[in-house]
Amino acid sequence: MSFNKIIANNTHEVKICGMNQQLLNKTRNIIALVKNNQLSPDDAHTRYNQIFTARINNPSISLDIIVGTVGGDIIPPRSSDFATVDLISVLLLDPLDIDSKQMTFVNKRLDYQFRANLWDALYRFDGGDL
């Protein structure tokens, strides 16, 4: 399922913000490791999932992370059906730091207060111990 379908189907709330500089730097480092075959995309997913799960303090939430650039996905999604995923974070890197974005999709089936807490935890997230 594409992001356009998620938005059209109205299954997720979405927010887009400029990526926090710390998260951007950490993501660029992870991408360098993946490109140099020092870290597999699957291991990168695991690392992102651990950090995001710790940040939101709920290990039961389903989560998918996608890291991409203008040229395409560097760390592709794990899920093939985004409609079933609770939280999707898309980190879009641009050669210019100022143009890098974080898109966050939160499934509307989650409790309203929990969704509000997710937004508080992840908006302009700095990447924690990534």
Protein backbone atom coordinates (compact mmCIF):
# COMPACT_ATOMS: atom_id res chain seq x y z
CA MET A 1 0.00 0.00 0.00
CA SER A 2 1.36 3.42 -0.89
CA PHE A 3 1.40 6.46 1.35
CA ASN A 4 -1.12 8.10 -0.94
CA LYS A 5 -3.54 5.25 -0.26
CA ILE A 6 -3.02 5.60 3.49
CA ILE A 7 -3.85 9.27 3.27
CA ALA A 8 -6.78 8.66 0.90
CA ASN A 9 -8.16 5.83 3.07
CA ASN A 10 -7.93 8.10 6.09
CA THR A 11 -6.54 5.27 8.28
CA HIS A 12 -3.65 7.30 9.72
CA GLU A 13 -3.01 10.78 10.98
CA VAL A 14 0.11 12.26 9.38
CA LYS A 15 2.49 15.00 10.40
CA ILE A 16 5.52 16.24 8.53
CA CYS A 17 8.28 18.25 10.11
CA GLY A 18 11.87 19.15 9.46
CA MET A 19 14.11 16.40 10.76
CA ASN A 20 15.86 17.16 14.05
CA GLN A 21 19.57 17.76 13.40
CA GLN A 22 20.68 15.02 15.82
CA LEU A 23 18.39 12.43 14.21
CA LEU A 24 19.57 13.58 10.80
CA ASN A 25 23.24 13.16 11.73
CA LYS A 26 22.59 9.72 13.24
CA THR A 27 20.60 8.67 10.18
CA ARG A 28 23.36 9.81 7.82
CA ASN A 29 25.83 7.71 9.87
CA ILE A 30 23.57 4.65 9.66
CA ILE A 31 23.13 5.12 5.92
CA ALA A 32 26.91 5.27 5.49
CA LEU A 33 27.22 1.97 7.37
CA VAL A 34 24.52 0.37 5.19
CA LYS A 35 26.08 1.67 1.97
CA ASN A 36 29.51 0.36 3.05
CA ASN A 37 28.01 -3.05 3.93
CA GLN A 38 28.96 -2.63 7.58
CA LEU A 39 25.30 -2.79 8.63
CA SER A 40 22.50 -4.62 6.87
CA PRO A 41 19.21 -2.82 6.18
CA ASP A 42 17.55 -5.38 8.49
CA ASP A 43 19.98 -4.54 11.32
CA ALA A 44 19.35 -0.85 10.69
CA HIS A 45 15.59 -1.52 11.00
CA THR A 46 16.19 -3.32 14.28
CA ARG A 47 18.23 -0.39 15.59
CA TYR A 48 15.59 2.18 14.61
CA ASN A 49 12.77 0.04 16.01
CA GLN A 50 14.54 -0.34 19.37
CA ILE A 51 15.12 3.39 19.68
CA PHE A 52 11.64 4.44 18.57
CA THR A 53 10.00 1.79 20.76
CA ALA A 54 12.00 2.96 23.77
CA ARG A 55 11.02 6.56 23.03
CA ILE A 56 7.31 5.81 22.91
CA ASN A 57 7.60 3.42 25.86
CA ASN A 58 5.28 0.79 24.40
CA PRO A 59 6.88 -2.40 23.06
CA SER A 60 3.54 -3.76 21.78
CA ILE A 61 3.03 -1.09 19.12
CA SER A 62 3.65 -2.16 15.52
CA LEU A 63 6.22 0.06 13.90
CA ASP A 64 7.86 0.47 10.52
CA ILE A 65 10.73 2.78 9.64
CA ILE A 66 11.64 3.80 6.12
CA VAL A 67 14.74 5.80 5.28
CA GLY A 68 14.96 7.27 1.84
CA THR A 69 16.63 9.85 -0.32
CA VAL A 70 15.74 11.54 -3.56
CA GLY A 71 17.22 8.47 -5.29
CA GLY A 72 15.00 5.93 -3.50
CA ASP A 73 14.74 3.86 -0.33
CA ILE A 74 17.98 3.05 1.43
CA ILE A 75 16.26 1.22 4.24
CA PRO A 76 13.03 -0.13 2.74
CA PRO A 77 9.88 -0.84 4.73
CA ARG A 78 9.41 -4.23 6.36
CA SER A 79 5.64 -4.17 6.00
CA SER A 80 3.81 -4.68 2.74
CA ASP A 81 0.48 -3.52 4.17
CA PHE A 82 0.87 -0.19 5.95
CA ALA A 83 -2.82 -0.08 6.88
CA THR A 84 -2.13 -2.65 9.61
CA VAL A 85 0.87 -0.80 11.09
CA ASP A 86 0.32 1.43 14.14
CA LEU A 87 3.22 3.80 13.56
CA ILE A 88 5.19 4.51 10.39
CA SER A 89 8.12 6.88 10.43
CA VAL A 90 9.60 7.97 7.12
CA LEU A 91 12.93 9.75 7.25
CA LEU A 92 13.54 11.59 3.98
CA LEU A 93 17.10 12.79 3.52
CA ASP A 94 18.08 15.61 1.23
CA PRO A 95 21.62 16.71 0.41
CA LEU A 96 20.74 19.94 2.23
CA ASP A 97 20.08 19.30 5.92
CA ILE A 98 17.40 21.99 6.04
CA ASP A 99 15.31 20.12 3.45
CA SER A 100 15.37 16.73 5.22
CA LYS A 101 11.98 15.71 6.58
CA GLN A 102 10.42 13.33 9.08
CA MET A 103 6.95 12.07 8.11
CA THR A 104 5.06 10.26 10.84
CA PHE A 105 1.88 8.25 10.30
CA VAL A 106 -0.13 7.15 13.36
CA ASN A 107 -3.01 4.72 12.93
CA LYS A 108 -6.36 6.23 13.92
CA ARG A 109 -7.52 2.93 15.44
CA LEU A 110 -5.26 3.70 18.42
CA ASP A 111 -6.75 5.43 21.44
CA TYR A 112 -6.86 9.22 21.04
CA GLN A 113 -4.79 9.92 24.17
CA PHE A 114 -2.20 7.36 23.15
CA ARG A 115 -1.95 9.00 19.70
CA ALA A 116 -1.48 12.37 21.38
CA ASN A 117 1.33 10.91 23.50
CA LEU A 118 2.97 9.50 20.36
CA TRP A 119 2.96 12.93 18.73
CA ASP A 120 4.48 14.47 21.85
CA ALA A 121 7.19 11.81 21.93
CA LEU A 122 8.10 11.78 18.25
CA TYR A 123 7.61 15.28 16.87
CA ARG A 124 11.10 16.55 16.08
CA PHE A 125 12.53 13.42 17.78
CA ASP A 126 16.32 13.65 18.21
CA GLY A 127 17.04 9.95 17.68
CA GLY A 128 17.85 9.10 21.29
CA ASP A 129 20.64 6.52 21.51
CA LEU A 130 20.50 5.62 17.82
